[in-house]
Every structure is written in C-alpha cells, then in structure tokens.
C-alpha cells in the first residue's frame, strides 16, 4: 500500500527534511528488528520457542546469523 501526500508550494524543502528524518528512523528500527527476528528464527530452527522480548538481549555469532540467513534465502527461492 502506498500513501501519497501533496505539499504546498514553498514547503518542499521542509517536507524533504521530514521525509529524510522519518526514513532514517524507520531504517534504524528495521535493522534492530531484523536482528531480533534472526535470533528468534535461529532458536526456532533448533525447536526452541522464544518471545521477541527474550531475544532482544541475545546476540549470535556471525556463523549463527549466517545459518539463519542461508536458511531463509533457501526457503524464499521456492516462493
């Protein structure tokens, strides 16, 4: 779904600044949530159920993250 907004003449620069700030915040949240989801998926692959709040404090090694990424990539190639 896409949302379109119009900007009054003369406010283009202000609206561009707002858009840039919002996008920056969304990307930071996306990176954080992607890590948490990867931790959750890693444990799910091993049959361990964990909630997102429990996964926020966990950090995996590079090899562990790569196992989750490769598994997700492999599964998405069949969609």
PDB file of N, CA and C in Angstrom:
ATOM      1  N   UNK A   1       0.836  -1.172   0.000  1.00  0.00           N
ATOM      2  CA  UNK A   1       0.000   0.000   0.000  1.00  0.00           C
ATOM      3  C   UNK A   1       0.886   1.241   0.000  1.00  0.00           C
ATOM      4  N   UNK A   2       0.526   2.185  -0.803  1.00  0.00           N
ATOM      5  CA  UNK A   2       1.287   3.425  -0.870  1.00  0.00           C
ATOM      6  C   UNK A   2       0.380   4.589  -0.499  1.00  0.00           C
ATOM      7  N   UNK A   3       0.968   5.564   0.148  1.00  0.00           N
ATOM      8  CA  UNK A   3       0.245   6.771   0.517  1.00  0.00           C
ATOM      9  C   UNK A   3       0.932   7.949  -0.158  1.00  0.00           C
ATOM     10  N   UNK A   4       0.148   8.795  -0.762  1.00  0.00           N
ATOM     11  CA  UNK A   4       0.686   9.958  -1.448  1.00  0.00           C
ATOM     12  C   UNK A   4       0.248  11.223  -0.730  1.00  0.00           C
ATOM     13  N   UNK A   5       1.168  12.136  -0.583  1.00  0.00           N
ATOM     14  CA  UNK A   5       0.882  13.410   0.068  1.00  0.00           C
ATOM     15  C   UNK A   5       1.254  14.540  -0.883  1.00  0.00           C
ATOM     16  N   UNK A   6       0.568  15.639  -0.733  1.00  0.00           N
ATOM     17  CA  UNK A   6       0.906  16.834  -1.504  1.00  0.00           C
ATOM     18  C   UNK A   6       1.472  17.872  -0.558  1.00  0.00           C
ATOM     19  N   UNK A   7       2.304  18.697  -1.111  1.00  0.00           N
ATOM     20  CA  UNK A   7       2.976  19.712  -0.315  1.00  0.00           C
ATOM     21  C   UNK A   7       2.659  21.077  -0.922  1.00  0.00           C
ATOM     22  N   UNK A   8       2.344  22.018  -0.061  1.00  0.00           N
ATOM     23  CA  UNK A   8       2.085  23.367  -0.563  1.00  0.00           C
ATOM     24  C   UNK A   8       3.366  23.965  -1.112  1.00  0.00           C
ATOM     25  N   UNK A   9       3.190  24.825  -2.063  1.00  0.00           N
ATOM     26  CA  UNK A   9       4.327  25.474  -2.693  1.00  0.00           C
ATOM     27  C   UNK A   9       5.120  26.266  -1.647  1.00  0.00           C
ATOM     28  N   UNK A  10       6.434  26.105  -1.687  1.00  0.00           N
ATOM     29  CA  UNK A  10       7.301  26.795  -0.751  1.00  0.00           C
ATOM     30  C   UNK A  10       7.696  25.943   0.452  1.00  0.00           C
ATOM     31  N   UNK A  11       7.046  24.803   0.645  1.00  0.00           N
ATOM     32  CA  UNK A  11       7.348  23.919   1.770  1.00  0.00           C
ATOM     33  C   UNK A  11       8.079  22.642   1.335  1.00  0.00           C
ATOM     34  N   UNK A  12       8.541  22.618   0.095  1.00  0.00           N
ATOM     35  CA  UNK A  12       9.182  21.413  -0.434  1.00  0.00           C
ATOM     36  C   UNK A  12      10.425  21.024   0.375  1.00  0.00           C
ATOM     37  N   UNK A  13      11.242  21.996   0.738  1.00  0.00           N
ATOM     38  CA  UNK A  13      12.471  21.709   1.482  1.00  0.00           C
ATOM     39  C   UNK A  13      12.155  21.176   2.878  1.00  0.00           C
ATOM     40  N   UNK A  14      11.164  21.778   3.542  1.00  0.00           N
ATOM     41  CA  UNK A  14      10.764  21.301   4.871  1.00  0.00           C
ATOM     42  C   UNK A  14      10.234  19.866   4.794  1.00  0.00           C
ATOM     43  N   UNK A  15       9.419  19.592   3.792  1.00  0.00           N
ATOM     44  CA  UNK A  15       8.862  18.242   3.674  1.00  0.00           C
ATOM     45  C   UNK A  15       9.959  17.229   3.343  1.00  0.00           C
ATOM     46  N   UNK A  16      10.956  17.616   2.557  1.00  0.00           N
ATOM     47  CA  UNK A  16      12.069  16.714   2.247  1.00  0.00           C
ATOM     48  C   UNK A  16      12.853  16.380   3.515  1.00  0.00           C
ATOM     49  N   UNK A  17      13.031  17.358   4.401  1.00  0.00           N
ATOM     50  CA  UNK A  17      13.720  17.116   5.670  1.00  0.00           C
ATOM     51  C   UNK A  17      12.934  16.160   6.563  1.00  0.00           C
ATOM     52  N   UNK A  18      11.625  16.334   6.607  1.00  0.00           N
ATOM     53  CA  UNK A  18      10.774  15.445   7.415  1.00  0.00           C
ATOM     54  C   UNK A  18      10.854  14.019   6.869  1.00  0.00           C
ATOM     55  N   UNK A  19      10.763  13.893   5.565  1.00  0.00           N
ATOM     56  CA  UNK A  19      10.831  12.564   4.939  1.00  0.00           C
ATOM     57  C   UNK A  19      12.164  11.898   5.239  1.00  0.00           C
ATOM     58  N   UNK A  20      13.242  12.644   5.138  1.00  0.00           N
ATOM     59  CA  UNK A  20      14.565  12.086   5.400  1.00  0.00           C
ATOM     60  C   UNK A  20      14.683  11.603   6.853  1.00  0.00           C
ATOM     61  N   UNK A  21      14.194  12.388   7.793  1.00  0.00           N
ATOM     62  CA  UNK A  21      14.253  12.004   9.210  1.00  0.00           C
ATOM     63  C   UNK A  21      13.402  10.774   9.507  1.00  0.00           C
ATOM     64  N   UNK A  22      12.213  10.720   8.926  1.00  0.00           N
ATOM     65  CA  UNK A  22      11.334   9.573   9.159  1.00  0.00           C
ATOM     66  C   UNK A  22      11.944   8.307   8.560  1.00  0.00           C
ATOM     67  N   UNK A  23      12.475   8.405   7.357  1.00  0.00           N
ATOM     68  CA  UNK A  23      13.093   7.238   6.715  1.00  0.00           C
ATOM     69  C   UNK A  23      14.302   6.743   7.511  1.00  0.00           C
ATOM     70  N   UNK A  24      15.091   7.656   8.009  1.00  0.00           N
ATOM     71  CA  UNK A  24      16.255   7.286   8.818  1.00  0.00           C
ATOM     72  C   UNK A  24      15.825   6.512  10.067  1.00  0.00           C
ATOM     73  N   UNK A  25      14.790   6.998  10.742  1.00  0.00           N
ATOM     74  CA  UNK A  25      14.285   6.321  11.942  1.00  0.00           C
ATOM     75  C   UNK A  25      13.731   4.940  11.600  1.00  0.00           C
ATOM     76  N   UNK A  26      12.979   4.830  10.506  1.00  0.00           N
ATOM     77  CA  UNK A  26      12.407   3.545  10.111  1.00  0.00           C
ATOM     78  C   UNK A  26      13.494   2.523   9.777  1.00  0.00           C
ATOM     79  N   UNK A  27      14.551   2.968   9.097  1.00  0.00           N
ATOM     80  CA  UNK A  27      15.638   2.053   8.761  1.00  0.00           C
ATOM     81  C   UNK A  27      16.384   1.581  10.007  1.00  0.00           C
ATOM     82  N   UNK A  28      16.565   2.463  10.982  1.00  0.00           N
ATOM     83  CA  UNK A  28      17.216   2.051  12.227  1.00  0.00           C
ATOM     84  C   UNK A  28      16.367   1.011  12.944  1.00  0.00           C
ATOM     85  N   UNK A  29      15.057   1.215  12.987  1.00  0.00           N
ATOM     86  CA  UNK A  29      14.162   0.243  13.612  1.00  0.00           C
ATOM     87  C   UNK A  29      14.171  -1.074  12.856  1.00  0.00           C
ATOM     88  N   UNK A  30      14.220  -1.009  11.530  1.00  0.00           N
ATOM     89  CA  UNK A  30      14.234  -2.214  10.710  1.00  0.00           C
ATOM     90  C   UNK A  30      15.467  -3.055  11.006  1.00  0.00           C
ATOM     91  N   UNK A  31      16.632  -2.421  11.097  1.00  0.00           N
ATOM     92  CA  UNK A  31      17.864  -3.164  11.392  1.00  0.00           C
ATOM     93  C   UNK A  31      17.775  -3.832  12.757  1.00  0.00           C
ATOM     94  N   UNK A  32      17.256  -3.122  13.736  1.00  0.00           N
ATOM     95  CA  UNK A  32      17.131  -3.688  15.081  1.00  0.00           C
ATOM     96  C   UNK A  32      16.165  -4.876  15.074  1.00  0.00           C
ATOM     97  N   UNK A  33      15.014  -4.702  14.475  1.00  0.00           N
ATOM     98  CA  UNK A  33      14.017  -5.768  14.461  1.00  0.00           C
ATOM     99  C   UNK A  33      14.468  -6.957  13.619  1.00  0.00           C
ATOM    100  N   UNK A  34      15.243  -6.724  12.565  1.00  0.00           N
ATOM    101  CA  UNK A  34      15.747  -7.828  11.746  1.00  0.00           C
ATOM    102  C   UNK A  34      16.697  -8.695  12.565  1.00  0.00           C
ATOM    103  N   UNK A  35      17.516  -8.085  13.409  1.00  0.00           N
ATOM    104  CA  UNK A  35      18.427  -8.854  14.261  1.00  0.00           C
ATOM    105  C   UNK A  35      17.631  -9.686  15.256  1.00  0.00           C
ATOM    106  N   UNK A  36      16.637  -9.078  15.878  1.00  0.00           N
ATOM    107  CA  UNK A  36      15.813  -9.791  16.860  1.00  0.00           C
ATOM    108  C   UNK A  36      15.098 -10.962  16.184  1.00  0.00           C
ATOM    109  N   UNK A  37      14.573 -10.747  14.987  1.00  0.00           N
ATOM    110  CA  UNK A  37      13.874 -11.814  14.269  1.00  0.00           C
ATOM    111  C   UNK A  37      14.838 -12.919  13.881  1.00  0.00           C
ATOM    112  N   UNK A  38      16.067 -12.570  13.522  1.00  0.00           N
ATOM    113  CA  UNK A  38      17.069 -13.585  13.178  1.00  0.00           C
ATOM    114  C   UNK A  38      17.397 -14.448  14.393  1.00  0.00           C
ATOM    115  N   UNK A  39      17.512 -13.833  15.565  1.00  0.00           N
ATOM    116  CA  UNK A  39      17.768 -14.593  16.795  1.00  0.00           C
ATOM    117  C   UNK A  39      16.602 -15.537  17.059  1.00  0.00           C
ATOM    118  N   UNK A  40      15.397 -15.036  16.893  1.00  0.00           N
ATOM    119  CA  UNK A  40      14.206 -15.858  17.116  1.00  0.00           C
ATOM    120  C   UNK A  40      14.153 -17.022  16.137  1.00  0.00           C
ATOM    121  N   UNK A  41      14.466 -16.763  14.870  1.00  0.00           N
ATOM    122  CA  UNK A  41      14.480 -17.822  13.855  1.00  0.00           C
ATOM    123  C   UNK A  41      15.562 -18.852  14.137  1.00  0.00           C
ATOM    124  N   UNK A  42      16.712 -18.396  14.626  1.00  0.00           N
ATOM    125  CA  UNK A  42      17.813 -19.313  14.946  1.00  0.00           C
ATOM    126  C   UNK A  42      17.359 -20.320  16.002  1.00  0.00           C
ATOM    127  N   UNK A  43      16.717 -19.828  17.044  1.00  0.00           N
ATOM    128  CA  UNK A  43      16.241 -20.734  18.089  1.00  0.00           C
ATOM    129  C   UNK A  43      15.093 -21.607  17.581  1.00  0.00           C
ATOM    130  N   UNK A  44      14.250 -21.068  16.717  1.00  0.00           N
ATOM    131  CA  UNK A  44      13.141 -21.848  16.165  1.00  0.00           C
ATOM    132  C   UNK A  44      13.651 -23.010  15.325  1.00  0.00           C
ATOM    133  N   UNK A  45      14.751 -22.799  14.596  1.00  0.00           N
ATOM    134  CA  UNK A  45      15.340 -23.885  13.807  1.00  0.00           C
ATOM    135  C   UNK A  45      15.804 -25.031  14.704  1.00  0.00           C
ATOM    136  N   UNK A  46      16.098 -24.734  15.938  1.00  0.00           N
ATOM    137  CA  UNK A  46      16.537 -25.744  16.899  1.00  0.00           C
ATOM    138  C   UNK A  46      15.395 -26.252  17.769  1.00  0.00           C
ATOM    139  N   UNK A  47      14.166 -25.837  17.473  1.00  0.00           N
ATOM    140  CA  UNK A  47      12.994 -26.302  18.207  1.00  0.00           C
ATOM    141  C   UNK A  47      12.764 -25.603  19.532  1.00  0.00           C
ATOM    142  N   UNK A  48      13.397 -24.444  19.730  1.00  0.00           N
ATOM    143  CA  UNK A  48      13.244 -23.682  20.969  1.00  0.00           C
ATOM    144  C   UNK A  48      12.383 -22.459  20.673  1.00  0.00           C
ATOM    145  N   UNK A  49      11.275 -22.335  21.393  1.00  0.00           N
ATOM    146  CA  UNK A  49      10.378 -21.206  21.185  1.00  0.00           C
ATOM    147  C   UNK A  49      10.788 -20.070  22.102  1.00  0.00           C
ATOM    148  N   UNK A  50      11.020 -18.885  21.557  1.00  0.00           N
ATOM    149  CA  UNK A  50      11.376 -17.708  22.359  1.00  0.00           C
ATOM    150  C   UNK A  50      10.532 -16.527  21.902  1.00  0.00           C
ATOM    151  N   UNK A  51      10.209 -15.668  22.847  1.00  0.00           N
ATOM    152  CA  UNK A  51       9.463 -14.460  22.514  1.00  0.00           C
ATOM    153  C   UNK A  51      10.433 -13.382  22.031  1.00  0.00           C
ATOM    154  N   UNK A  52       9.908 -12.390  21.353  1.00  0.00           N
ATOM    155  CA  UNK A  52      10.758 -11.291  20.895  1.00  0.00           C
ATOM    156  C   UNK A  52      11.431 -10.556  22.043  1.00  0.00           C
ATOM    157  N   UNK A  53      10.728 -10.246  23.134  1.00  0.00           N
ATOM    158  CA  UNK A  53      11.431  -9.574  24.239  1.00  0.00           C
ATOM    159  C   UNK A  53      12.599 -10.396  24.787  1.00  0.00           C
ATOM    160  N   UNK A  54      12.463 -11.722  24.798  1.00  0.00           N
ATOM    161  CA  UNK A  54      13.552 -12.571  25.284  1.00  0.00           C
ATOM    162  C   UNK A  54      14.727 -12.570  24.306  1.00  0.00           C
ATOM    163  N   UNK A  55      14.447 -12.367  23.031  1.00  0.00           N
ATOM    164  CA  UNK A  55      15.505 -12.390  22.003  1.00  0.00           C
ATOM    165  C   UNK A  55      16.239 -11.057  21.890  1.00  0.00           C
ATOM    166  N   UNK A  56      15.675  -9.991  22.424  1.00  0.00           N
ATOM    167  CA  UNK A  56      16.312  -8.677  22.305  1.00  0.00           C
ATOM    168  C   UNK A  56      17.641  -8.603  23.050  1.00  0.00           C
ATOM    169  N   UNK A  57      17.805  -9.414  24.084  1.00  0.00           N
ATOM    170  CA  UNK A  57      19.036  -9.404  24.869  1.00  0.00           C
ATOM    171  C   UNK A  57      20.066 -10.408  24.370  1.00  0.00           C
ATOM    172  N   UNK A  58      19.707 -11.224  23.399  1.00  0.00           N
ATOM    173  CA  UNK A  58      20.599 -12.262  22.889  1.00  0.00           C
ATOM    174  C   UNK A  58      21.317 -11.769  21.637  1.00  0.00           C
ATOM    175  N   UNK A  59      22.569 -12.142  21.513  1.00  0.00           N
ATOM    176  CA  UNK A  59      23.351 -11.840  20.316  1.00  0.00           C
ATOM    177  C   UNK A  59      23.981 -13.135  19.836  1.00  0.00           C
ATOM    178  N   UNK A  60      23.946 -13.364  18.543  1.00  0.00           N
ATOM    179  CA  UNK A  60      24.511 -14.568  17.961  1.00  0.00           C
ATOM    180  C   UNK A  60      25.886 -14.272  17.380  1.00  0.00           C
ATOM    181  N   UNK A  61      26.624 -15.328  17.097  1.00  0.00           N
ATOM    182  CA  UNK A  61      27.901 -15.158  16.397  1.00  0.00           C
ATOM    183  C   UNK A  61      27.613 -14.986  14.903  1.00  0.00           C
ATOM    184  N   UNK A  62      28.604 -14.573  14.167  1.00  0.00           N
ATOM    185  CA  UNK A  62      28.433 -14.365  12.722  1.00  0.00           C
ATOM    186  C   UNK A  62      27.996 -15.658  12.044  1.00  0.00           C
ATOM    187  N   UNK A  63      28.577 -16.773  12.441  1.00  0.00           N
ATOM    188  CA  UNK A  63      28.232 -18.063  11.837  1.00  0.00           C
ATOM    189  C   UNK A  63      26.771 -18.434  12.110  1.00  0.00           C
ATOM    190  N   UNK A  64      26.305 -18.122  13.313  1.00  0.00           N
ATOM    191  CA  UNK A  64      24.915 -18.420  13.655  1.00  0.00           C
ATOM    192  C   UNK A  64      23.944 -17.560  12.844  1.00  0.00           C
ATOM    193  N   UNK A  65      24.273 -16.266  12.691  1.00  0.00           N
ATOM    194  CA  UNK A  65      23.427 -15.403  11.853  1.00  0.00           C
ATOM    195  C   UNK A  65      23.407 -15.901  10.414  1.00  0.00           C
ATOM    196  N   UNK A  66      24.543 -16.340   9.912  1.00  0.00           N
ATOM    197  CA  UNK A  66      24.622 -16.807   8.530  1.00  0.00           C
ATOM    198  C   UNK A  66      23.780 -18.066   8.318  1.00  0.00           C
ATOM    199  N   UNK A  67      23.698 -18.934   9.307  1.00  0.00           N
ATOM    200  CA  UNK A  67      22.850 -20.118   9.188  1.00  0.00           C
ATOM    201  C   UNK A  67      21.395 -19.719   9.006  1.00  0.00           C
ATOM    202  N   UNK A  68      20.958 -18.720   9.749  1.00  0.00           N
ATOM    203  CA  UNK A  68      19.575 -18.256   9.653  1.00  0.00           C
ATOM    204  C   UNK A  68      19.344 -17.601   8.297  1.00  0.00           C
ATOM    205  N   UNK A  69      20.287 -16.777   7.851  1.00  0.00           N
ATOM    206  CA  UNK A  69      20.145 -16.069   6.579  1.00  0.00           C
ATOM    207  C   UNK A  69      20.125 -17.055   5.417  1.00  0.00           C
ATOM    208  N   UNK A  70      21.009 -18.029   5.427  1.00  0.00           N
ATOM    209  CA  UNK A  70      21.053 -19.018   4.349  1.00  0.00           C
ATOM    210  C   UNK A  70      19.792 -19.859   4.309  1.00  0.00           C
ATOM    211  N   UNK A  71      19.265 -20.224   5.461  1.00  0.00           N
ATOM    212  CA  UNK A  71      18.027 -20.998   5.524  1.00  0.00           C
ATOM    213  C   UNK A  71      16.862 -20.172   4.972  1.00  0.00           C
ATOM    214  N   UNK A  72      16.772 -18.898   5.341  1.00  0.00           N
ATOM    215  CA  UNK A  72      15.704 -18.028   4.847  1.00  0.00           C
ATOM    216  C   UNK A  72      15.830 -17.826   3.341  1.00  0.00           C
ATOM    217  N   UNK A  73      17.045 -17.656   2.855  1.00  0.00           N
ATOM    218  CA  UNK A  73      17.266 -17.478   1.417  1.00  0.00           C
ATOM    219  C   UNK A  73      16.864 -18.735   0.663  1.00  0.00           C
ATOM    220  N   UNK A  74      17.211 -19.891   1.196  1.00  0.00           N
ATOM    221  CA  UNK A  74      16.885 -21.157   0.562  1.00  0.00           C
ATOM    222  C   UNK A  74      15.368 -21.335   0.477  1.00  0.00           C
ATOM    223  N   UNK A  75      14.666 -21.032   1.561  1.00  0.00           N
ATOM    224  CA  UNK A  75      13.218 -21.176   1.576  1.00  0.00           C
ATOM    225  C   UNK A  75      12.538 -20.174   0.658  1.00  0.00           C
ATOM    226  N   UNK A  76      13.040 -18.944   0.584  1.00  0.00           N
ATOM    227  CA  UNK A  76      12.401 -17.923  -0.250  1.00  0.00           C
ATOM    228  C   UNK A  76      12.597 -18.200  -1.740  1.00  0.00           C
ATOM    229  N   UNK A  77      13.577 -19.017  -2.092  1.00  0.00           N
ATOM    230  CA  UNK A  77      13.809 -19.298  -3.510  1.00  0.00           C
ATOM    231  C   UNK A  77      12.728 -20.200  -4.089  1.00  0.00           C
ATOM    232  N   UNK A  78      11.918 -20.836  -3.234  1.00  0.00           N
ATOM    233  CA  UNK A  78      10.834 -21.709  -3.705  1.00  0.00           C
ATOM    234  C   UNK A  78       9.505 -20.994  -3.796  1.00  0.00           C
ATOM    235  N   UNK A  79       9.451 -19.753  -3.389  1.00  0.00           N
ATOM    236  CA  UNK A  79       8.189 -18.986  -3.389  1.00  0.00           C
ATOM    237  C   UNK A  79       7.963 -18.365  -4.751  1.00  0.00           C
TER     238      UNK A  79
END
